[in-house]
Amino acid sequence: MARYLSSHALGCLPKPAFARLCRDIFAAGDGAVRIVAGQIGERMLVEFEAQDGDAAIAWLRAHKLTPSWLLRLDYESTNGQLLEL
C-alpha cells in the first residue's frame, strides 16, 4: 500500500479540538500513520496509506480534510540509508 503525506492549514484550531481530530482519525483504523502539527505555523501534516491517488483523495474527504498539497511518498531515510516505500 502506498503512503501519502498531506499538508493542512489549522487556523486557530484549539488543542482540545486538535486532540479530538487525531483521536477520530486514528479510531477509524483505515490507514492513518502519523499526524504532526505546529501551533505557531498553524500547519498540520498527515501521513496515511492508500491504494492510489484517487483513494488518497477519497480518504481525505472521508475525514473532512482539505489539503493544501498531497504527496505520494516514494523514498524514506531515517538513518542515512535510502529505503524505497
PDB file of N, CA and C in Angstrom:
ATOM      1  N   MET A   1       0.846  -1.169   0.000  1.00  0.00           N
ATOM      2  CA  MET A   1       0.000   0.000   0.000  1.00  0.00           C
ATOM      3  C   MET A   1       0.891   1.232   0.000  1.00  0.00           C
ATOM      4  N   ALA A   2       0.560   2.205  -0.806  1.00  0.00           N
ATOM      5  CA  ALA A   2       1.347   3.437  -0.910  1.00  0.00           C
ATOM      6  C   ALA A   2       1.097   4.336   0.300  1.00  0.00           C
ATOM      7  N   ARG A   3       2.113   5.131   0.639  1.00  0.00           N
ATOM      8  CA  ARG A   3       1.962   6.103   1.715  1.00  0.00           C
ATOM      9  C   ARG A   3       1.895   7.495   1.114  1.00  0.00           C
ATOM     10  N   TYR A   4       1.107   8.346   1.756  1.00  0.00           N
ATOM     11  CA  TYR A   4       0.906   9.718   1.313  1.00  0.00           C
ATOM     12  C   TYR A   4       1.119  10.668   2.479  1.00  0.00           C
ATOM     13  N   LEU A   5       1.495  11.900   2.148  1.00  0.00           N
ATOM     14  CA  LEU A   5       1.656  12.960   3.127  1.00  0.00           C
ATOM     15  C   LEU A   5       0.850  14.153   2.618  1.00  0.00           C
ATOM     16  N   SER A   6       0.011  14.697   3.490  1.00  0.00           N
ATOM     17  CA  SER A   6      -0.786  15.860   3.107  1.00  0.00           C
ATOM     18  C   SER A   6      -0.546  16.988   4.102  1.00  0.00           C
ATOM     19  N   SER A   7      -0.647  18.218   3.612  1.00  0.00           N
ATOM     20  CA  SER A   7      -0.460  19.410   4.429  1.00  0.00           C
ATOM     21  C   SER A   7      -1.791  20.140   4.551  1.00  0.00           C
ATOM     22  N   HIS A   8      -2.071  20.644   5.764  1.00  0.00           N
ATOM     23  CA  HIS A   8      -3.348  21.299   6.033  1.00  0.00           C
ATOM     24  C   HIS A   8      -3.141  22.543   6.880  1.00  0.00           C
ATOM     25  N   ALA A   9      -3.931  23.571   6.619  1.00  0.00           N
ATOM     26  CA  ALA A   9      -3.923  24.774   7.451  1.00  0.00           C
ATOM     27  C   ALA A   9      -4.787  24.504   8.679  1.00  0.00           C
ATOM     28  N   LEU A  10      -4.262  24.834   9.853  1.00  0.00           N
ATOM     29  CA  LEU A  10      -5.018  24.631  11.086  1.00  0.00           C
ATOM     30  C   LEU A  10      -5.832  25.847  11.481  1.00  0.00           C
ATOM     31  N   GLY A  11      -5.426  27.022  11.065  1.00  0.00           N
ATOM     32  CA  GLY A  11      -6.108  28.223  11.527  1.00  0.00           C
ATOM     33  C   GLY A  11      -5.947  28.338  13.030  1.00  0.00           C
ATOM     34  N   CYS A  12      -7.026  28.618  13.713  1.00  0.00           N
ATOM     35  CA  CYS A  12      -6.947  28.774  15.168  1.00  0.00           C
ATOM     36  C   CYS A  12      -7.585  27.580  15.876  1.00  0.00           C
ATOM     37  N   LEU A  13      -7.338  26.387  15.391  1.00  0.00           N
ATOM     38  CA  LEU A  13      -7.876  25.177  15.997  1.00  0.00           C
ATOM     39  C   LEU A  13      -7.268  24.984  17.384  1.00  0.00           C
ATOM     40  N   PRO A  14      -8.082  25.005  18.445  1.00  0.00           N
ATOM     41  CA  PRO A  14      -7.531  24.842  19.791  1.00  0.00           C
ATOM     42  C   PRO A  14      -7.052  23.412  20.039  1.00  0.00           C
ATOM     43  N   LYS A  15      -6.165  23.273  20.998  1.00  0.00           N
ATOM     44  CA  LYS A  15      -5.552  21.977  21.303  1.00  0.00           C
ATOM     45  C   LYS A  15      -6.590  20.875  21.559  1.00  0.00           C
ATOM     46  N   PRO A  16      -7.650  21.101  22.364  1.00  0.00           N
ATOM     47  CA  PRO A  16      -8.638  20.024  22.571  1.00  0.00           C
ATOM     48  C   PRO A  16      -9.319  19.584  21.277  1.00  0.00           C
ATOM     49  N   ALA A  17      -9.590  20.515  20.371  1.00  0.00           N
ATOM     50  CA  ALA A  17     -10.215  20.162  19.095  1.00  0.00           C
ATOM     51  C   ALA A  17      -9.244  19.377  18.216  1.00  0.00           C
ATOM     52  N   PHE A  18      -7.955  19.752  18.261  1.00  0.00           N
ATOM     53  CA  PHE A  18      -6.949  19.014  17.504  1.00  0.00           C
ATOM     54  C   PHE A  18      -6.807  17.595  18.057  1.00  0.00           C
ATOM     55  N   ALA A  19      -6.810  17.465  19.382  1.00  0.00           N
ATOM     56  CA  ALA A  19      -6.719  16.136  20.008  1.00  0.00           C
ATOM     57  C   ALA A  19      -7.900  15.270  19.593  1.00  0.00           C
ATOM     58  N   ARG A  20      -9.088  15.838  19.548  1.00  0.00           N
ATOM     59  CA  ARG A  20     -10.286  15.101  19.138  1.00  0.00           C
ATOM     60  C   ARG A  20     -10.181  14.677  17.671  1.00  0.00           C
ATOM     61  N   LEU A  21      -9.685  15.583  16.821  1.00  0.00           N
ATOM     62  CA  LEU A  21      -9.485  15.254  15.413  1.00  0.00           C
ATOM     63  C   LEU A  21      -8.534  14.067  15.265  1.00  0.00           C
ATOM     64  N   CYS A  22      -7.427  14.091  15.988  1.00  0.00           N
ATOM     65  CA  CYS A  22      -6.463  12.984  15.942  1.00  0.00           C
ATOM     66  C   CYS A  22      -7.106  11.679  16.403  1.00  0.00           C
ATOM     67  N   ARG A  23      -7.817  11.722  17.512  1.00  0.00           N
ATOM     68  CA  ARG A  23      -8.486  10.514  18.018  1.00  0.00           C
ATOM     69  C   ARG A  23      -9.453   9.954  16.987  1.00  0.00           C
ATOM     70  N   ASP A  24     -10.245  10.839  16.388  1.00  0.00           N
ATOM     71  CA  ASP A  24     -11.233  10.387  15.400  1.00  0.00           C
ATOM     72  C   ASP A  24     -10.578   9.752  14.180  1.00  0.00           C
ATOM     73  N   ILE A  25      -9.509  10.369  13.699  1.00  0.00           N
ATOM     74  CA  ILE A  25      -8.822   9.826  12.524  1.00  0.00           C
ATOM     75  C   ILE A  25      -8.231   8.455  12.825  1.00  0.00           C
ATOM     76  N   PHE A  26      -7.547   8.313  13.961  1.00  0.00           N
ATOM     77  CA  PHE A  26      -6.942   7.028  14.288  1.00  0.00           C
ATOM     78  C   PHE A  26      -7.980   5.983  14.686  1.00  0.00           C
ATOM     79  N   ALA A  27      -9.090   6.406  15.279  1.00  0.00           N
ATOM     80  CA  ALA A  27     -10.140   5.462  15.671  1.00  0.00           C
ATOM     81  C   ALA A  27     -10.772   4.788  14.455  1.00  0.00           C
ATOM     82  N   ALA A  28     -10.754   5.473  13.327  1.00  0.00           N
ATOM     83  CA  ALA A  28     -11.324   4.895  12.107  1.00  0.00           C
ATOM     84  C   ALA A  28     -10.551   3.660  11.659  1.00  0.00           C
ATOM     85  N   GLY A  29      -9.262   3.599  12.014  1.00  0.00           N
ATOM     86  CA  GLY A  29      -8.449   2.426  11.684  1.00  0.00           C
ATOM     87  C   GLY A  29      -8.327   2.153  10.201  1.00  0.00           C
ATOM     88  N   ASP A  30      -8.304   3.200   9.400  1.00  0.00           N
ATOM     89  CA  ASP A  30      -8.307   2.996   7.957  1.00  0.00           C
ATOM     90  C   ASP A  30      -7.085   3.546   7.234  1.00  0.00           C
ATOM     91  N   GLY A  31      -5.935   3.567   7.902  1.00  0.00           N
ATOM     92  CA  GLY A  31      -4.725   3.932   7.179  1.00  0.00           C
ATOM     93  C   GLY A  31      -3.883   5.039   7.747  1.00  0.00           C
ATOM     94  N   ALA A  32      -4.337   5.728   8.786  1.00  0.00           N
ATOM     95  CA  ALA A  32      -3.531   6.809   9.363  1.00  0.00           C
ATOM     96  C   ALA A  32      -2.233   6.248   9.933  1.00  0.00           C
ATOM     97  N   VAL A  33      -1.122   6.912   9.651  1.00  0.00           N
ATOM     98  CA  VAL A  33       0.191   6.502  10.138  1.00  0.00           C
ATOM     99  C   VAL A  33       0.694   7.475  11.195  1.00  0.00           C
ATOM    100  N   ARG A  34       0.591   8.780  10.903  1.00  0.00           N
ATOM    101  CA  ARG A  34       1.149   9.791  11.805  1.00  0.00           C
ATOM    102  C   ARG A  34       0.511  11.135  11.509  1.00  0.00           C
ATOM    103  N   ILE A  35       0.314  11.919  12.567  1.00  0.00           N
ATOM    104  CA  ILE A  35      -0.176  13.287  12.426  1.00  0.00           C
ATOM    105  C   ILE A  35       0.755  14.170  13.246  1.00  0.00           C
ATOM    106  N   VAL A  36       1.262  15.232  12.621  1.00  0.00           N
ATOM    107  CA  VAL A  36       2.109  16.193  13.333  1.00  0.00           C
ATOM    108  C   VAL A  36       1.573  17.589  13.040  1.00  0.00           C
ATOM    109  N   ALA A  37       1.773  18.507  14.004  1.00  0.00           N
ATOM    110  CA  ALA A  37       1.269  19.860  13.819  1.00  0.00           C
ATOM    111  C   ALA A  37       2.161  20.857  14.516  1.00  0.00           C
ATOM    112  N   GLY A  38       2.127  22.079  14.016  1.00  0.00           N
ATOM    113  CA  GLY A  38       2.841  23.184  14.632  1.00  0.00           C
ATOM    114  C   GLY A  38       1.866  24.321  14.889  1.00  0.00           C
ATOM    115  N   GLN A  39       1.712  24.701  16.162  1.00  0.00           N
ATOM    116  CA  GLN A  39       0.778  25.772  16.507  1.00  0.00           C
ATOM    117  C   GLN A  39       1.206  27.118  15.931  1.00  0.00           C
ATOM    118  N   ILE A  40       2.480  27.428  16.028  1.00  0.00           N
ATOM    119  CA  ILE A  40       2.948  28.733  15.558  1.00  0.00           C
ATOM    120  C   ILE A  40       2.771  28.845  14.042  1.00  0.00           C
ATOM    121  N   GLY A  41       3.127  27.797  13.327  1.00  0.00           N
ATOM    122  CA  GLY A  41       2.980  27.802  11.867  1.00  0.00           C
ATOM    123  C   GLY A  41       1.569  27.503  11.402  1.00  0.00           C
ATOM    124  N   GLU A  42       0.692  27.088  12.324  1.00  0.00           N
ATOM    125  CA  GLU A  42      -0.698  26.759  12.018  1.00  0.00           C
ATOM    126  C   GLU A  42      -0.831  25.765  10.871  1.00  0.00           C
ATOM    127  N   ARG A  43       0.021  24.725  10.887  1.00  0.00           N
ATOM    128  CA  ARG A  43       0.005  23.702   9.842  1.00  0.00           C
ATOM    129  C   ARG A  43      -0.065  22.332  10.470  1.00  0.00           C
ATOM    130  N   MET A  44      -0.648  21.394   9.751  1.00  0.00           N
ATOM    131  CA  MET A  44      -0.730  20.003  10.164  1.00  0.00           C
ATOM    132  C   MET A  44      -0.307  19.138   8.989  1.00  0.00           C
ATOM    133  N   LEU A  45       0.491  18.112   9.257  1.00  0.00           N
ATOM    134  CA  LEU A  45       0.866  17.121   8.257  1.00  0.00           C
ATOM    135  C   LEU A  45       0.245  15.790   8.663  1.00  0.00           C
ATOM    136  N   VAL A  46      -0.356  15.117   7.705  1.00  0.00           N
ATOM    137  CA  VAL A  46      -0.986  13.827   7.951  1.00  0.00           C
ATOM    138  C   VAL A  46      -0.338  12.801   7.029  1.00  0.00           C
ATOM    139  N   GLU A  47       0.183  11.741   7.613  1.00  0.00           N
ATOM    140  CA  GLU A  47       0.754  10.638   6.839  1.00  0.00           C
ATOM    141  C   GLU A  47      -0.228   9.475   6.920  1.00  0.00           C
ATOM    142  N   PHE A  48      -0.554   8.907   5.767  1.00  0.00           N
ATOM    143  CA  PHE A  48      -1.539   7.822   5.739  1.00  0.00           C
ATOM    144  C   PHE A  48      -1.280   6.908   4.552  1.00  0.00           C
ATOM    145  N   GLU A  49      -1.925   5.750   4.568  1.00  0.00           N
ATOM    146  CA  GLU A  49      -1.786   4.759   3.499  1.00  0.00           C
ATOM    147  C   GLU A  49      -3.053   4.721   2.656  1.00  0.00           C
ATOM    148  N   ALA A  50      -2.856   4.554   1.345  1.00  0.00           N
ATOM    149  CA  ALA A  50      -3.975   4.428   0.408  1.00  0.00           C
ATOM    150  C   ALA A  50      -3.486   3.659  -0.817  1.00  0.00           C
ATOM    151  N   GLN A  51      -4.407   3.032  -1.526  1.00  0.00           N
ATOM    152  CA  GLN A  51      -4.059   2.232  -2.711  1.00  0.00           C
ATOM    153  C   GLN A  51      -3.442   3.067  -3.827  1.00  0.00           C
ATOM    154  N   ASP A  52      -4.009   4.258  -4.067  1.00  0.00           N
ATOM    155  CA  ASP A  52      -3.551   5.115  -5.163  1.00  0.00           C
ATOM    156  C   ASP A  52      -3.982   6.550  -4.882  1.00  0.00           C
ATOM    157  N   GLY A  53      -3.714   7.442  -5.819  1.00  0.00           N
ATOM    158  CA  GLY A  53      -4.040   8.845  -5.634  1.00  0.00           C
ATOM    159  C   GLY A  53      -5.531   9.105  -5.444  1.00  0.00           C
ATOM    160  N   ASP A  54      -6.356   8.419  -6.211  1.00  0.00           N
ATOM    161  CA  ASP A  54      -7.806   8.596  -6.062  1.00  0.00           C
ATOM    162  C   ASP A  54      -8.273   8.136  -4.688  1.00  0.00           C
ATOM    163  N   ALA A  55      -7.731   7.021  -4.221  1.00  0.00           N
ATOM    164  CA  ALA A  55      -8.087   6.522  -2.887  1.00  0.00           C
ATOM    165  C   ALA A  55      -7.578   7.470  -1.797  1.00  0.00           C
ATOM    166  N   ALA A  56      -6.423   8.104  -2.034  1.00  0.00           N
ATOM    167  CA  ALA A  56      -5.893   9.075  -1.067  1.00  0.00           C
ATOM    168  C   ALA A  56      -6.826  10.274  -0.959  1.00  0.00           C
ATOM    169  N   ILE A  57      -7.305  10.768  -2.078  1.00  0.00           N
ATOM    170  CA  ILE A  57      -8.235  11.901  -2.070  1.00  0.00           C
ATOM    171  C   ILE A  57      -9.539  11.501  -1.383  1.00  0.00           C
ATOM    172  N   ALA A  58     -10.019  10.296  -1.653  1.00  0.00           N
ATOM    173  CA  ALA A  58     -11.241   9.807  -1.009  1.00  0.00           C
ATOM    174  C   ALA A  58     -11.044   9.681   0.500  1.00  0.00           C
ATOM    175  N   TRP A  59      -9.849   9.225   0.922  1.00  0.00           N
ATOM    176  CA  TRP A  59      -9.542   9.100   2.360  1.00  0.00           C
ATOM    177  C   TRP A  59      -9.608  10.470   3.026  1.00  0.00           C
ATOM    178  N   LEU A  60      -9.005  11.462   2.395  1.00  0.00           N
ATOM    179  CA  LEU A  60      -9.026  12.817   2.947  1.00  0.00           C
ATOM    180  C   LEU A  60     -10.455  13.352   3.041  1.00  0.00           C
ATOM    181  N   ARG A  61     -11.235  13.148   2.011  1.00  0.00           N
ATOM    182  CA  ARG A  61     -12.630  13.606   2.020  1.00  0.00           C
ATOM    183  C   ARG A  61     -13.428  12.897   3.110  1.00  0.00           C
ATOM    184  N   ALA A  62     -13.198  11.611   3.280  1.00  0.00           N
ATOM    185  CA  ALA A  62     -13.917  10.848   4.309  1.00  0.00           C
ATOM    186  C   ALA A  62     -13.645  11.397   5.703  1.00  0.00           C
ATOM    187  N   HIS A  63     -12.464  11.957   5.890  1.00  0.00           N
ATOM    188  CA  HIS A  63     -12.097  12.536   7.182  1.00  0.00           C
ATOM    189  C   HIS A  63     -12.312  14.055   7.218  1.00  0.00           C
ATOM    190  N   LYS A  64     -12.965  14.574   6.180  1.00  0.00           N
ATOM    191  CA  LYS A  64     -13.282  16.010   6.086  1.00  0.00           C
ATOM    192  C   LYS A  64     -12.027  16.879   6.172  1.00  0.00           C
ATOM    193  N   LEU A  65     -10.967  16.428   5.502  1.00  0.00           N
ATOM    194  CA  LEU A  65      -9.699  17.157   5.458  1.00  0.00           C
ATOM    195  C   LEU A  65      -9.486  17.716   4.057  1.00  0.00           C
ATOM    196  N   THR A  66      -9.158  18.995   3.988  1.00  0.00           N
ATOM    197  CA  THR A  66      -8.868  19.647   2.715  1.00  0.00           C
ATOM    198  C   THR A  66      -7.384  19.985   2.684  1.00  0.00           C
ATOM    199  N   PRO A  67      -6.607  19.279   1.866  1.00  0.00           N
ATOM    200  CA  PRO A  67      -5.164  19.505   1.870  1.00  0.00           C
ATOM    201  C   PRO A  67      -4.748  20.716   1.040  1.00  0.00           C
ATOM    202  N   SER A  68      -3.665  21.357   1.485  1.00  0.00           N
ATOM    203  CA  SER A  68      -3.004  22.380   0.666  1.00  0.00           C
ATOM    204  C   SER A  68      -2.225  21.700  -0.433  1.00  0.00           C
ATOM    205  N   TRP A  69      -1.637  20.541  -0.082  1.00  0.00           N
ATOM    206  CA  TRP A  69      -0.954  19.717  -1.065  1.00  0.00           C
ATOM    207  C   TRP A  69      -0.955  18.267  -0.606  1.00  0.00           C
ATOM    208  N   LEU A  70      -0.767  17.375  -1.558  1.00  0.00           N
ATOM    209  CA  LEU A  70      -0.745  15.936  -1.317  1.00  0.00           C
ATOM    210  C   LEU A  70       0.467  15.359  -2.039  1.00  0.00           C
ATOM    211  N   LEU A  71       1.227  14.518  -1.354  1.00  0.00           N
ATOM    212  CA  LEU A  71       2.454  13.955  -1.906  1.00  0.00           C
ATOM    213  C   LEU A  71       2.480  12.450  -1.676  1.00  0.00           C
ATOM    214  N   ARG A  72       2.689  11.683  -2.743  1.00  0.00           N
ATOM    215  CA  ARG A  72       2.920  10.249  -2.587  1.00  0.00           C
ATOM    216  C   ARG A  72       4.369  10.081  -2.165  1.00  0.00           C
ATOM    217  N   LEU A  73       4.604   9.300  -1.117  1.00  0.00           N
ATOM    218  CA  LEU A  73       5.953   9.078  -0.616  1.00  0.00           C
ATOM    219  C   LEU A  73       6.564   7.874  -1.320  1.00  0.00           C
ATOM    220  N   ASP A  74       7.700   8.089  -1.963  1.00  0.00           N
ATOM    221  CA  ASP A  74       8.383   7.013  -2.672  1.00  0.00           C
ATOM    222  C   ASP A  74       9.653   6.559  -1.958  1.00  0.00           C
ATOM    223  N   TYR A  75      10.278   7.468  -1.209  1.00  0.00           N
ATOM    224  CA  TYR A  75      11.533   7.169  -0.524  1.00  0.00           C
ATOM    225  C   TYR A  75      11.480   7.672   0.906  1.00  0.00           C
ATOM    226  N   GLU A  76      12.304   7.051   1.744  1.00  0.00           N
ATOM    227  CA  GLU A  76      12.389   7.448   3.142  1.00  0.00           C
ATOM    228  C   GLU A  76      13.789   7.147   3.650  1.00  0.00           C
ATOM    229  N   SER A  77      14.273   7.967   4.559  1.00  0.00           N
ATOM    230  CA  SER A  77      15.542   7.700   5.218  1.00  0.00           C
ATOM    231  C   SER A  77      15.460   8.231   6.640  1.00  0.00           C
ATOM    232  N   THR A  78      15.736   7.378   7.601  1.00  0.00           N
ATOM    233  CA  THR A  78      15.776   7.802   8.998  1.00  0.00           C
ATOM    234  C   THR A  78      17.158   7.617   9.595  1.00  0.00           C
ATOM    235  N   ASN A  79      18.024   6.922   8.868  1.00  0.00           N
ATOM    236  CA  ASN A  79      19.363   6.642   9.392  1.00  0.00           C
ATOM    237  C   ASN A  79      20.469   6.850   8.349  1.00  0.00           C
ATOM    238  N   GLY A  80      20.139   7.543   7.266  1.00  0.00           N
ATOM    239  CA  GLY A  80      21.116   7.778   6.214  1.00  0.00           C
ATOM    240  C   GLY A  80      21.031   6.795   5.074  1.00  0.00           C
ATOM    241  N   GLN A  81      20.357   5.663   5.290  1.00  0.00           N
ATOM    242  CA  GLN A  81      20.174   4.692   4.220  1.00  0.00           C
ATOM    243  C   GLN A  81      18.819   4.924   3.559  1.00  0.00           C
ATOM    244  N   LEU A  82      18.820   4.887   2.220  1.00  0.00           N
ATOM    245  CA  LEU A  82      17.613   5.144   1.465  1.00  0.00           C
ATOM    246  C   LEU A  82      16.757   3.885   1.394  1.00  0.00           C
ATOM    247  N   LEU A  83      15.486   4.043   1.712  1.00  0.00           N
ATOM    248  CA  LEU A  83      14.515   2.953   1.594  1.00  0.00           C
ATOM    249  C   LEU A  83      13.485   3.336   0.556  1.00  0.00           C
ATOM    250  N   GLU A  84      13.128   2.407  -0.304  1.00  0.00           N
ATOM    251  CA  GLU A  84      12.032   2.635  -1.236  1.00  0.00           C
ATOM    252  C   GLU A  84      10.758   2.168  -0.557  1.00  0.00           C
ATOM    253  N   LEU A  85       9.735   3.004  -0.631  1.00  0.00           N
ATOM    254  CA  LEU A  85       8.466   2.656   0.034  1.00  0.00           C
ATOM    255  C   LEU A  85       7.531   1.928  -0.880  1.00  0.00           C
TER     256      LEU A  85
END
